[in-house]
Amino acid sequence: WSLIFTMLAVMGAQATFLSPALNGSIPELYPEGYVMRVNAMLRVA
């Protein structure tokens, strides 16, 4: 479990940095009126 927990900690760290970059890119790529639709499609994926 020490190795399992180490893996979870590293995955948490990478997700911490990935999330703002990914979600912040959506308003950069799409107009405001389309953001909700893109989020819905991303949520399906």
PDB file of all heavy atoms in Angstrom:
ATOM      1  N   TRP A   1       0.818  -1.212   0.000  1.00  0.00           N
ATOM      2  CA  TRP A   1       0.000   0.000   0.000  1.00  0.00           C
ATOM      3  C   TRP A   1       0.851   1.261   0.000  1.00  0.00           C
ATOM      4  O   TRP A   1       0.397   2.319  -0.428  1.00  0.00           O
ATOM      5  CB  TRP A   1      -0.954  -0.022   1.197  1.00  0.00           C
ATOM      6  CG  TRP A   1      -2.149  -0.862   0.897  1.00  0.00           C
ATOM      7  CD1 TRP A   1      -2.338  -2.172   1.197  1.00  0.00           C
ATOM      8  CD2 TRP A   1      -3.303  -0.457   0.165  1.00  0.00           C
ATOM      9  NE1 TRP A   1      -3.540  -2.616   0.711  1.00  0.00           N
ATOM     10  CE2 TRP A   1      -4.168  -1.582   0.078  1.00  0.00           C
ATOM     11  CE3 TRP A   1      -3.713   0.749  -0.418  1.00  0.00           C
ATOM     12  CZ2 TRP A   1      -5.399  -1.535  -0.567  1.00  0.00           C
ATOM     13  CZ3 TRP A   1      -4.945   0.796  -1.053  1.00  0.00           C
ATOM     14  CH2 TRP A   1      -5.766  -0.340  -1.134  1.00  0.00           C
ATOM     15  N   SER A   2       2.096   1.161   0.439  1.00  0.00           N
ATOM     16  CA  SER A   2       2.970   2.346   0.379  1.00  0.00           C
ATOM     17  C   SER A   2       3.204   2.762  -1.068  1.00  0.00           C
ATOM     18  O   SER A   2       3.196   3.955  -1.397  1.00  0.00           O
ATOM     19  CB  SER A   2       4.308   2.059   1.073  1.00  0.00           C
ATOM     20  OG  SER A   2       4.959   0.951   0.467  1.00  0.00           O
ATOM     21  N   LEU A   3       3.385   1.787  -1.965  1.00  0.00           N
ATOM     22  CA  LEU A   3       3.573   2.095  -3.377  1.00  0.00           C
ATOM     23  C   LEU A   3       2.270   2.563  -4.013  1.00  0.00           C
ATOM     24  O   LEU A   3       2.256   3.471  -4.854  1.00  0.00           O
ATOM     25  CB  LEU A   3       4.103   0.865  -4.123  1.00  0.00           C
ATOM     26  CG  LEU A   3       5.544   0.468  -3.836  1.00  0.00           C
ATOM     27  CD1 LEU A   3       5.889  -0.838  -4.528  1.00  0.00           C
ATOM     28  CD2 LEU A   3       6.510   1.568  -4.281  1.00  0.00           C
ATOM     29  N   ILE A   4       1.163   1.944  -3.626  1.00  0.00           N
ATOM     30  CA  ILE A   4      -0.140   2.360  -4.156  1.00  0.00           C
ATOM     31  C   ILE A   4      -0.419   3.807  -3.751  1.00  0.00           C
ATOM     32  O   ILE A   4      -0.868   4.625  -4.559  1.00  0.00           O
ATOM     33  CB  ILE A   4      -1.250   1.419  -3.657  1.00  0.00           C
ATOM     34  CG1 ILE A   4      -1.074   0.020  -4.279  1.00  0.00           C
ATOM     35  CG2 ILE A   4      -2.634   1.978  -3.996  1.00  0.00           C
ATOM     36  CD1 ILE A   4      -2.024  -1.028  -3.733  1.00  0.00           C
ATOM     37  N   PHE A   5      -0.144   4.137  -2.500  1.00  0.00           N
ATOM     38  CA  PHE A   5      -0.381   5.497  -2.025  1.00  0.00           C
ATOM     39  C   PHE A   5       0.575   6.492  -2.691  1.00  0.00           C
ATOM     40  O   PHE A   5       0.199   7.629  -2.968  1.00  0.00           O
ATOM     41  CB  PHE A   5      -0.227   5.559  -0.501  1.00  0.00           C
ATOM     42  CG  PHE A   5      -1.393   4.982   0.253  1.00  0.00           C
ATOM     43  CD1 PHE A   5      -1.275   4.634   1.577  1.00  0.00           C
ATOM     44  CD2 PHE A   5      -2.618   4.775  -0.376  1.00  0.00           C
ATOM     45  CE1 PHE A   5      -2.345   4.108   2.281  1.00  0.00           C
ATOM     46  CE2 PHE A   5      -3.704   4.246   0.313  1.00  0.00           C
ATOM     47  CZ  PHE A   5      -3.569   3.907   1.632  1.00  0.00           C
ATOM     48  N   THR A   6       1.814   6.068  -2.950  1.00  0.00           N
ATOM     49  CA  THR A   6       2.752   6.949  -3.666  1.00  0.00           C
ATOM     50  C   THR A   6       2.230   7.260  -5.059  1.00  0.00           C
ATOM     51  O   THR A   6       2.267   8.409  -5.523  1.00  0.00           O
ATOM     52  CB  THR A   6       4.135   6.279  -3.762  1.00  0.00           C
ATOM     53  OG1 THR A   6       4.650   6.072  -2.442  1.00  0.00           O
ATOM     54  CG2 THR A   6       5.108   7.162  -4.550  1.00  0.00           C
ATOM     55  N   MET A   7       1.726   6.235  -5.738  1.00  0.00           N
ATOM     56  CA  MET A   7       1.161   6.430  -7.070  1.00  0.00           C
ATOM     57  C   MET A   7      -0.009   7.402  -7.011  1.00  0.00           C
ATOM     58  O   MET A   7      -0.131   8.313  -7.835  1.00  0.00           O
ATOM     59  CB  MET A   7       0.709   5.084  -7.633  1.00  0.00           C
ATOM     60  CG  MET A   7      -0.068   5.173  -8.932  1.00  0.00           C
ATOM     61  SD  MET A   7      -1.841   5.358  -8.616  1.00  0.00           S
ATOM     62  CE  MET A   7      -2.419   5.553 -10.283  1.00  0.00           C
ATOM     63  N   LEU A   8      -0.891   7.238  -6.016  1.00  0.00           N
ATOM     64  CA  LEU A   8      -2.049   8.121  -5.911  1.00  0.00           C
ATOM     65  C   LEU A   8      -1.626   9.565  -5.641  1.00  0.00           C
ATOM     66  O   LEU A   8      -2.238  10.504  -6.158  1.00  0.00           O
ATOM     67  CB  LEU A   8      -2.976   7.625  -4.802  1.00  0.00           C
ATOM     68  CG  LEU A   8      -3.696   6.298  -5.083  1.00  0.00           C
ATOM     69  CD1 LEU A   8      -4.441   5.823  -3.837  1.00  0.00           C
ATOM     70  CD2 LEU A   8      -4.660   6.442  -6.247  1.00  0.00           C
ATOM     71  N   ALA A   9      -0.584   9.756  -4.848  1.00  0.00           N
ATOM     72  CA  ALA A   9      -0.102  11.108  -4.565  1.00  0.00           C
ATOM     73  C   ALA A   9       0.441  11.770  -5.829  1.00  0.00           C
ATOM     74  O   ALA A   9       0.166  12.951  -6.102  1.00  0.00           O
ATOM     75  CB  ALA A   9       0.973  11.063  -3.481  1.00  0.00           C
ATOM     76  N   VAL A  10       1.221  11.018  -6.624  1.00  0.00           N
ATOM     77  CA  VAL A  10       1.768  11.584  -7.866  1.00  0.00           C
ATOM     78  C   VAL A  10       0.654  11.863  -8.864  1.00  0.00           C
ATOM     79  O   VAL A  10       0.652  12.894  -9.549  1.00  0.00           O
ATOM     80  CB  VAL A  10       2.832  10.634  -8.473  1.00  0.00           C
ATOM     81  CG1 VAL A  10       3.341  11.185  -9.804  1.00  0.00           C
ATOM     82  CG2 VAL A  10       3.993  10.448  -7.509  1.00  0.00           C
ATOM     83  N   MET A  11      -0.323  10.959  -8.949  1.00  0.00           N
ATOM     84  CA  MET A  11      -1.453  11.191  -9.844  1.00  0.00           C
ATOM     85  C   MET A  11      -2.254  12.416  -9.418  1.00  0.00           C
ATOM     86  O   MET A  11      -2.734  13.197 -10.245  1.00  0.00           O
ATOM     87  CB  MET A  11      -2.359   9.964  -9.882  1.00  0.00           C
ATOM     88  CG  MET A  11      -1.890   8.871 -10.816  1.00  0.00           C
ATOM     89  SD  MET A  11      -1.809   9.406 -12.547  1.00  0.00           S
ATOM     90  CE  MET A  11      -3.542   9.589 -12.917  1.00  0.00           C
ATOM     91  N   GLY A  12      -2.403  12.588  -8.117  1.00  0.00           N
ATOM     92  CA  GLY A  12      -3.082  13.780  -7.627  1.00  0.00           C
ATOM     93  C   GLY A  12      -2.339  15.041  -8.007  1.00  0.00           C
ATOM     94  O   GLY A  12      -2.950  16.046  -8.406  1.00  0.00           O
ATOM     95  N   ALA A  13      -1.003  15.003  -7.920  1.00  0.00           N
ATOM     96  CA  ALA A  13      -0.199  16.179  -8.275  1.00  0.00           C
ATOM     97  C   ALA A  13      -0.320  16.505  -9.756  1.00  0.00           C
ATOM     98  O   ALA A  13      -0.500  17.668 -10.145  1.00  0.00           O
ATOM     99  CB  ALA A  13       1.262  15.943  -7.901  1.00  0.00           C
ATOM    100  N   GLN A  14      -0.260  15.484 -10.614  1.00  0.00           N
ATOM    101  CA  GLN A  14      -0.337  15.764 -12.049  1.00  0.00           C
ATOM    102  C   GLN A  14      -1.736  16.251 -12.434  1.00  0.00           C
ATOM    103  O   GLN A  14      -1.889  17.137 -13.268  1.00  0.00           O
ATOM    104  CB  GLN A  14       0.088  14.539 -12.865  1.00  0.00           C
ATOM    105  CG  GLN A  14      -0.875  13.395 -12.920  1.00  0.00           C
ATOM    106  CD  GLN A  14      -1.884  13.495 -14.056  1.00  0.00           C
ATOM    107  OE1 GLN A  14      -1.620  14.126 -15.074  1.00  0.00           O
ATOM    108  NE2 GLN A  14      -3.047  12.884 -13.865  1.00  0.00           N
ATOM    109  N   ALA A  15      -2.753  15.714 -11.783  1.00  0.00           N
ATOM    110  CA  ALA A  15      -4.116  16.178 -12.061  1.00  0.00           C
ATOM    111  C   ALA A  15      -4.317  17.609 -11.579  1.00  0.00           C
ATOM    112  O   ALA A  15      -5.070  18.385 -12.184  1.00  0.00           O
ATOM    113  CB  ALA A  15      -5.128  15.249 -11.390  1.00  0.00           C
ATOM    114  N   THR A  16      -3.635  17.973 -10.491  1.00  0.00           N
ATOM    115  CA  THR A  16      -3.724  19.336  -9.969  1.00  0.00           C
ATOM    116  C   THR A  16      -3.237  20.352 -10.999  1.00  0.00           C
ATOM    117  O   THR A  16      -3.835  21.421 -11.169  1.00  0.00           O
ATOM    118  CB  THR A  16      -2.884  19.475  -8.688  1.00  0.00           C
ATOM    119  OG1 THR A  16      -3.378  18.544  -7.713  1.00  0.00           O
ATOM    120  CG2 THR A  16      -2.970  20.871  -8.118  1.00  0.00           C
ATOM    121  N   PHE A  17      -2.165  20.021 -11.706  1.00  0.00           N
ATOM    122  CA  PHE A  17      -1.616  20.939 -12.705  1.00  0.00           C
ATOM    123  C   PHE A  17      -2.344  20.835 -14.040  1.00  0.00           C
ATOM    124  O   PHE A  17      -2.436  21.818 -14.784  1.00  0.00           O
ATOM    125  CB  PHE A  17      -0.115  20.657 -12.897  1.00  0.00           C
ATOM    126  CG  PHE A  17       0.721  21.179 -11.778  1.00  0.00           C
ATOM    127  CD1 PHE A  17       0.994  20.398 -10.678  1.00  0.00           C
ATOM    128  CD2 PHE A  17       1.224  22.481 -11.804  1.00  0.00           C
ATOM    129  CE1 PHE A  17       1.762  20.877  -9.620  1.00  0.00           C
ATOM    130  CE2 PHE A  17       1.978  22.976 -10.761  1.00  0.00           C
ATOM    131  CZ  PHE A  17       2.251  22.176  -9.657  1.00  0.00           C
ATOM    132  N   LEU A  18      -2.863  19.652 -14.352  1.00  0.00           N
ATOM    133  CA  LEU A  18      -3.533  19.477 -15.635  1.00  0.00           C
ATOM    134  C   LEU A  18      -4.889  20.174 -15.677  1.00  0.00           C
ATOM    135  O   LEU A  18      -5.261  20.778 -16.693  1.00  0.00           O
ATOM    136  CB  LEU A  18      -3.680  17.978 -15.911  1.00  0.00           C
ATOM    137  CG  LEU A  18      -4.207  17.569 -17.291  1.00  0.00           C
ATOM    138  CD1 LEU A  18      -3.611  16.232 -17.704  1.00  0.00           C
ATOM    139  CD2 LEU A  18      -5.729  17.459 -17.312  1.00  0.00           C
ATOM    140  N   SER A  19      -5.643  20.125 -14.599  1.00  0.00           N
ATOM    141  CA  SER A  19      -7.029  20.599 -14.601  1.00  0.00           C
ATOM    142  C   SER A  19      -7.184  22.080 -14.961  1.00  0.00           C
ATOM    143  O   SER A  19      -7.973  22.417 -15.843  1.00  0.00           O
ATOM    144  CB  SER A  19      -7.681  20.304 -13.250  1.00  0.00           C
ATOM    145  OG  SER A  19      -9.000  20.776 -13.217  1.00  0.00           O
ATOM    146  N   PRO A  20      -6.447  23.016 -14.316  1.00  0.00           N
ATOM    147  CA  PRO A  20      -6.619  24.417 -14.709  1.00  0.00           C
ATOM    148  C   PRO A  20      -6.206  24.683 -16.152  1.00  0.00           C
ATOM    149  O   PRO A  20      -6.806  25.524 -16.835  1.00  0.00           O
ATOM    150  CB  PRO A  20      -5.705  25.176 -13.731  1.00  0.00           C
ATOM    151  CG  PRO A  20      -5.475  24.251 -12.602  1.00  0.00           C
ATOM    152  CD  PRO A  20      -5.526  22.879 -13.181  1.00  0.00           C
ATOM    153  N   ALA A  21      -5.182  23.962 -16.628  1.00  0.00           N
ATOM    154  CA  ALA A  21      -4.740  24.152 -18.006  1.00  0.00           C
ATOM    155  C   ALA A  21      -5.801  23.687 -18.987  1.00  0.00           C
ATOM    156  O   ALA A  21      -6.109  24.363 -19.979  1.00  0.00           O
ATOM    157  CB  ALA A  21      -3.424  23.396 -18.235  1.00  0.00           C
ATOM    158  N   LEU A  22      -6.378  22.534 -18.730  1.00  0.00           N
ATOM    159  CA  LEU A  22      -7.398  22.001 -19.632  1.00  0.00           C
ATOM    160  C   LEU A  22      -8.657  22.855 -19.605  1.00  0.00           C
ATOM    161  O   LEU A  22      -9.142  23.299 -20.651  1.00  0.00           O
ATOM    162  CB  LEU A  22      -7.742  20.570 -19.244  1.00  0.00           C
ATOM    163  CG  LEU A  22      -8.880  19.989 -20.089  1.00  0.00           C
ATOM    164  CD1 LEU A  22      -8.334  19.341 -21.346  1.00  0.00           C
ATOM    165  CD2 LEU A  22      -9.715  18.997 -19.306  1.00  0.00           C
ATOM    166  N   ASN A  23      -9.201  23.099 -18.415  1.00  0.00           N
ATOM    167  CA  ASN A  23     -10.454  23.838 -18.316  1.00  0.00           C
ATOM    168  C   ASN A  23     -10.288  25.296 -18.717  1.00  0.00           C
ATOM    169  O   ASN A  23     -11.218  25.906 -19.257  1.00  0.00           O
ATOM    170  CB  ASN A  23     -11.009  23.725 -16.896  1.00  0.00           C
ATOM    171  CG  ASN A  23     -11.525  22.334 -16.589  1.00  0.00           C
ATOM    172  OD1 ASN A  23     -12.459  21.849 -17.201  1.00  0.00           O
ATOM    173  ND2 ASN A  23     -10.891  21.664 -15.648  1.00  0.00           N
ATOM    174  N   GLY A  24      -9.116  25.862 -18.461  1.00  0.00           N
ATOM    175  CA  GLY A  24      -8.874  27.235 -18.875  1.00  0.00           C
ATOM    176  C   GLY A  24      -8.736  27.394 -20.377  1.00  0.00           C
ATOM    177  O   GLY A  24      -8.922  28.491 -20.918  1.00  0.00           O
ATOM    178  N   SER A  25      -8.423  26.297 -21.071  1.00  0.00           N
ATOM    179  CA  SER A  25      -8.266  26.375 -22.526  1.00  0.00           C
ATOM    180  C   SER A  25      -9.609  26.433 -23.255  1.00  0.00           C
ATOM    181  O   SER A  25      -9.671  26.901 -24.390  1.00  0.00           O
ATOM    182  CB  SER A  25      -7.472  25.161 -23.026  1.00  0.00           C
ATOM    183  OG  SER A  25      -8.252  23.984 -22.911  1.00  0.00           O
ATOM    184  N   ILE A  26     -10.669  25.946 -22.616  1.00  0.00           N
ATOM    185  CA  ILE A  26     -11.962  25.900 -23.302  1.00  0.00           C
ATOM    186  C   ILE A  26     -12.459  27.289 -23.677  1.00  0.00           C
ATOM    187  O   ILE A  26     -12.844  27.525 -24.828  1.00  0.00           O
ATOM    188  CB  ILE A  26     -12.996  25.131 -22.448  1.00  0.00           C
ATOM    189  CG1 ILE A  26     -12.589  23.664 -22.357  1.00  0.00           C
ATOM    190  CG2 ILE A  26     -14.396  25.249 -23.053  1.00  0.00           C
ATOM    191  CD1 ILE A  26     -13.473  22.827 -21.457  1.00  0.00           C
ATOM    192  N   PRO A  27     -12.459  28.277 -22.750  1.00  0.00           N
ATOM    193  CA  PRO A  27     -12.874  29.628 -23.163  1.00  0.00           C
ATOM    194  C   PRO A  27     -11.916  30.282 -24.156  1.00  0.00           C
ATOM    195  O   PRO A  27     -12.288  31.236 -24.838  1.00  0.00           O
ATOM    196  CB  PRO A  27     -12.896  30.408 -21.837  1.00  0.00           C
ATOM    197  CG  PRO A  27     -12.996  29.372 -20.769  1.00  0.00           C
ATOM    198  CD  PRO A  27     -12.234  28.200 -21.308  1.00  0.00           C
ATOM    199  N   GLU A  28     -10.674  29.786 -24.234  1.00  0.00           N
ATOM    200  CA  GLU A  28      -9.736  30.312 -25.227  1.00  0.00           C
ATOM    201  C   GLU A  28     -10.049  29.787 -26.626  1.00  0.00           C
ATOM    202  O   GLU A  28      -9.803  30.481 -27.619  1.00  0.00           O
ATOM    203  CB  GLU A  28      -8.299  29.926 -24.850  1.00  0.00           C
ATOM    204  CG  GLU A  28      -7.771  30.603 -23.607  1.00  0.00           C
ATOM    205  CD  GLU A  28      -6.356  30.206 -23.279  1.00  0.00           C
ATOM    206  OE1 GLU A  28      -5.807  29.298 -23.943  1.00  0.00           O
ATOM    207  OE2 GLU A  28      -5.773  30.788 -22.342  1.00  0.00           O
ATOM    208  N   LEU A  29     -10.587  28.589 -26.702  1.00  0.00           N
ATOM    209  CA  LEU A  29     -10.847  27.960 -27.997  1.00  0.00           C
ATOM    210  C   LEU A  29     -12.267  28.196 -28.506  1.00  0.00           C
ATOM    211  O   LEU A  29     -12.517  28.056 -29.703  1.00  0.00           O
ATOM    212  CB  LEU A  29     -10.598  26.453 -27.905  1.00  0.00           C
ATOM    213  CG  LEU A  29      -9.148  25.999 -27.670  1.00  0.00           C
ATOM    214  CD1 LEU A  29      -9.114  24.509 -27.415  1.00  0.00           C
ATOM    215  CD2 LEU A  29      -8.277  26.364 -28.859  1.00  0.00           C
ATOM    216  N   TYR A  30     -13.188  28.560 -27.615  1.00  0.00           N
ATOM    217  CA  TYR A  30     -14.588  28.662 -27.994  1.00  0.00           C
ATOM    218  C   TYR A  30     -15.212  29.964 -27.509  1.00  0.00           C
ATOM    219  O   TYR A  30     -14.824  30.493 -26.466  1.00  0.00           O
ATOM    220  CB  TYR A  30     -15.386  27.478 -27.408  1.00  0.00           C
ATOM    221  CG  TYR A  30     -15.025  26.154 -28.009  1.00  0.00           C
ATOM    222  CD1 TYR A  30     -14.036  25.360 -27.435  1.00  0.00           C
ATOM    223  CD2 TYR A  30     -15.645  25.708 -29.172  1.00  0.00           C
ATOM    224  CE1 TYR A  30     -13.682  24.149 -28.001  1.00  0.00           C
ATOM    225  CE2 TYR A  30     -15.302  24.495 -29.737  1.00  0.00           C
ATOM    226  CZ  TYR A  30     -14.319  23.711 -29.156  1.00  0.00           C
ATOM    227  OH  TYR A  30     -13.970  22.510 -29.715  1.00  0.00           O
ATOM    228  N   PRO A  31     -16.205  30.479 -28.245  1.00  0.00           N
ATOM    229  CA  PRO A  31     -16.943  31.661 -27.776  1.00  0.00           C
ATOM    230  C   PRO A  31     -17.792  31.312 -26.564  1.00  0.00           C
ATOM    231  O   PRO A  31     -18.144  30.146 -26.340  1.00  0.00           O
ATOM    232  CB  PRO A  31     -17.809  32.046 -28.976  1.00  0.00           C
ATOM    233  CG  PRO A  31     -17.985  30.763 -29.732  1.00  0.00           C
ATOM    234  CD  PRO A  31     -16.695  30.008 -29.561  1.00  0.00           C
ATOM    235  N   GLU A  32     -18.157  32.327 -25.790  1.00  0.00           N
ATOM    236  CA  GLU A  32     -18.864  32.116 -24.524  1.00  0.00           C
ATOM    237  C   GLU A  32     -20.139  31.301 -24.691  1.00  0.00           C
ATOM    238  O   GLU A  32     -20.445  30.426 -23.887  1.00  0.00           O
ATOM    239  CB  GLU A  32     -19.182  33.471 -23.890  1.00  0.00           C
ATOM    240  CG  GLU A  32     -19.943  33.375 -22.585  1.00  0.00           C
ATOM    241  CD  GLU A  32     -20.175  34.730 -21.937  1.00  0.00           C
ATOM    242  OE1 GLU A  32     -19.335  35.634 -22.130  1.00  0.00           O
ATOM    243  OE2 GLU A  32     -21.198  34.885 -21.262  1.00  0.00           O
ATOM    244  N   GLY A  33     -20.888  31.573 -25.750  1.00  0.00           N
ATOM    245  CA  GLY A  33     -22.160  30.888 -25.935  1.00  0.00           C
ATOM    246  C   GLY A  33     -22.029  29.410 -26.232  1.00  0.00           C
ATOM    247  O   GLY A  33     -23.032  28.686 -26.193  1.00  0.00           O
ATOM    248  N   TYR A  34     -20.819  28.952 -26.538  1.00  0.00           N
ATOM    249  CA  TYR A  34     -20.627  27.556 -26.896  1.00  0.00           C
ATOM    250  C   TYR A  34     -19.911  26.768 -25.803  1.00  0.00           C
ATOM    251  O   TYR A  34     -19.773  25.551 -25.883  1.00  0.00           O
ATOM    252  CB  TYR A  34     -19.822  27.484 -28.193  1.00  0.00           C
ATOM    253  CG  TYR A  34     -20.006  26.206 -28.973  1.00  0.00           C
ATOM    254  CD1 TYR A  34     -21.257  25.836 -29.457  1.00  0.00           C
ATOM    255  CD2 TYR A  34     -18.935  25.361 -29.229  1.00  0.00           C
ATOM    256  CE1 TYR A  34     -21.428  24.664 -30.170  1.00  0.00           C
ATOM    257  CE2 TYR A  34     -19.089  24.186 -29.948  1.00  0.00           C
ATOM    258  CZ  TYR A  34     -20.346  23.838 -30.427  1.00  0.00           C
ATOM    259  OH  TYR A  34     -20.520  22.678 -31.134  1.00  0.00           O
ATOM    260  N   VAL A  35     -19.469  27.462 -24.753  1.00  0.00           N
ATOM    261  CA  VAL A  35     -18.683  26.812 -23.707  1.00  0.00           C
ATOM    262  C   VAL A  35     -19.476  25.710 -23.008  1.00  0.00           C
ATOM    263  O   VAL A  35     -18.956  24.623 -22.724  1.00  0.00           O
ATOM    264  CB  VAL A  35     -18.173  27.856 -22.693  1.00  0.00           C
ATOM    265  CG1 VAL A  35     -17.620  27.181 -21.446  1.00  0.00           C
ATOM    266  CG2 VAL A  35     -17.096  28.724 -23.331  1.00  0.00           C
ATOM    267  N   MET A  36     -20.752  25.977 -22.710  1.00  0.00           N
ATOM    268  CA  MET A  36     -21.556  24.971 -22.008  1.00  0.00           C
ATOM    269  C   MET A  36     -21.712  23.710 -22.854  1.00  0.00           C
ATOM    270  O   MET A  36     -21.651  22.588 -22.335  1.00  0.00           O
ATOM    271  CB  MET A  36     -22.916  25.558 -21.648  1.00  0.00           C
ATOM    272  CG  MET A  36     -23.748  24.670 -20.737  1.00  0.00           C
ATOM    273  SD  MET A  36     -25.160  25.585 -20.077  1.00  0.00           S
ATOM    274  CE  MET A  36     -26.156  24.240 -19.460  1.00  0.00           C
ATOM    275  N   ARG A  37     -21.900  23.861 -24.161  1.00  0.00           N
ATOM    276  CA  ARG A  37     -22.022  22.703 -25.044  1.00  0.00           C
ATOM    277  C   ARG A  37     -20.718  21.905 -25.082  1.00  0.00           C
ATOM    278  O   ARG A  37     -20.729  20.671 -25.030  1.00  0.00           O
ATOM    279  CB  ARG A  37     -22.397  23.186 -26.451  1.00  0.00           C
ATOM    280  CG  ARG A  37     -22.597  22.062 -27.470  1.00  0.00           C
ATOM    281  CD  ARG A  37     -23.864  21.265 -27.181  1.00  0.00           C
ATOM    282  NE  ARG A  37     -25.041  22.109 -27.090  1.00  0.00           N
ATOM    283  CZ  ARG A  37     -25.752  22.517 -28.154  1.00  0.00           C
ATOM    284  NH1 ARG A  37     -25.385  22.176 -29.375  1.00  0.00           N
ATOM    285  NH2 ARG A  37     -26.834  23.266 -27.978  1.00  0.00           N
ATOM    286  N   VAL A  38     -19.588  22.610 -25.143  1.00  0.00           N
ATOM    287  CA  VAL A  38     -18.292  21.923 -25.153  1.00  0.00           C
ATOM    288  C   VAL A  38     -18.077  21.178 -23.837  1.00  0.00           C
ATOM    289  O   VAL A  38     -17.608  20.036 -23.815  1.00  0.00           O
ATOM    290  CB  VAL A  38     -17.149  22.924 -25.405  1.00  0.00           C
ATOM    291  CG1 VAL A  38     -15.791  22.243 -25.268  1.00  0.00           C
ATOM    292  CG2 VAL A  38     -17.276  23.538 -26.787  1.00  0.00           C
ATOM    293  N   ASN A  39     -18.420  21.835 -22.725  1.00  0.00           N
ATOM    294  CA  ASN A  39     -18.289  21.171 -21.435  1.00  0.00           C
ATOM    295  C   ASN A  39     -19.157  19.921 -21.364  1.00  0.00           C
ATOM    296  O   ASN A  39     -18.759  18.908 -20.775  1.00  0.00           O
ATOM    297  CB  ASN A  39     -18.677  22.135 -20.306  1.00  0.00           C
ATOM    298  CG  ASN A  39     -17.512  22.995 -19.878  1.00  0.00           C
ATOM    299  OD1 ASN A  39     -16.400  22.520 -19.749  1.00  0.00           O
ATOM    300  ND2 ASN A  39     -17.764  24.277 -19.668  1.00  0.00           N
ATOM    301  N   ALA A  40     -20.351  19.997 -21.936  1.00  0.00           N
ATOM    302  CA  ALA A  40     -21.233  18.836 -21.932  1.00  0.00           C
ATOM    303  C   ALA A  40     -20.624  17.689 -22.739  1.00  0.00           C
ATOM    304  O   ALA A  40     -20.647  16.525 -22.306  1.00  0.00           O
ATOM    305  CB  ALA A  40     -22.603  19.218 -22.492  1.00  0.00           C
ATOM    306  N   MET A  41     -20.052  18.017 -23.902  1.00  0.00           N
ATOM    307  CA  MET A  41     -19.424  16.974 -24.720  1.00  0.00           C
ATOM    308  C   MET A  41     -18.193  16.402 -24.023  1.00  0.00           C
ATOM    309  O   MET A  41     -17.950  15.188 -24.047  1.00  0.00           O
ATOM    310  CB  MET A  41     -19.062  17.536 -26.091  1.00  0.00           C
ATOM    311  CG  MET A  41     -20.275  17.841 -26.961  1.00  0.00           C
ATOM    312  SD  MET A  41     -19.854  18.305 -28.659  1.00  0.00           S
ATOM    313  CE  MET A  41     -19.141  19.934 -28.404  1.00  0.00           C
ATOM    314  N   LEU A  42     -17.409  17.297 -23.390  1.00  0.00           N
ATOM    315  CA  LEU A  42     -16.246  16.817 -22.645  1.00  0.00           C
ATOM    316  C   LEU A  42     -16.685  15.947 -21.478  1.00  0.00           C
ATOM    317  O   LEU A  42     -16.063  14.926 -21.179  1.00  0.00           O
ATOM    318  CB  LEU A  42     -15.422  18.003 -22.144  1.00  0.00           C
ATOM    319  CG  LEU A  42     -14.162  17.650 -21.346  1.00  0.00           C
ATOM    320  CD1 LEU A  42     -13.202  16.830 -22.190  1.00  0.00           C
ATOM    321  CD2 LEU A  42     -13.481  18.915 -20.841  1.00  0.00           C
ATOM    322  N   ARG A  43     -17.782  16.333 -20.819  1.00  0.00           N
ATOM    323  CA  ARG A  43     -18.287  15.535 -19.700  1.00  0.00           C
ATOM    324  C   ARG A  43     -18.710  14.153 -20.167  1.00  0.00           C
ATOM    325  O   ARG A  43     -18.493  13.157 -19.457  1.00  0.00           O
ATOM    326  CB  ARG A  43     -19.459  16.263 -19.039  1.00  0.00           C
ATOM    327  CG  ARG A  43     -20.144  15.520 -17.912  1.00  0.00           C
ATOM    328  CD  ARG A  43     -19.195  15.086 -16.825  1.00  0.00           C
ATOM    329  NE  ARG A  43     -18.374  16.169 -16.326  1.00  0.00           N
ATOM    330  CZ  ARG A  43     -17.364  16.017 -15.489  1.00  0.00           C
ATOM    331  NH1 ARG A  43     -17.048  14.798 -15.076  1.00  0.00           N
ATOM    332  NH2 ARG A  43     -16.657  17.061 -15.078  1.00  0.00           N
ATOM    333  N   VAL A  44     -19.293  14.056 -21.365  1.00  0.00           N
ATOM    334  CA  VAL A  44     -19.661  12.747 -21.903  1.00  0.00           C
ATOM    335  C   VAL A  44     -18.409  11.903 -22.117  1.00  0.00           C
ATOM    336  O   VAL A  44     -18.359  10.715 -21.738  1.00  0.00           O
ATOM    337  CB  VAL A  44     -20.450  12.893 -23.214  1.00  0.00           C
ATOM    338  CG1 VAL A  44     -20.611  11.538 -23.910  1.00  0.00           C
ATOM    339  CG2 VAL A  44     -21.817  13.512 -22.950  1.00  0.00           C
ATOM    340  N   ALA A  45     -17.366  12.516 -22.710  1.00  0.00           N
ATOM    341  CA  ALA A  45     -16.120  11.782 -22.943  1.00  0.00           C
ATOM    342  C   ALA A  45     -15.492  11.336 -21.627  1.00  0.00           C
ATOM    343  O   ALA A  45     -15.046  10.186 -21.486  1.00  0.00           O
ATOM    344  CB  ALA A  45     -15.141  12.660 -23.728  1.00  0.00           C
TER     345      ALA A  45
END
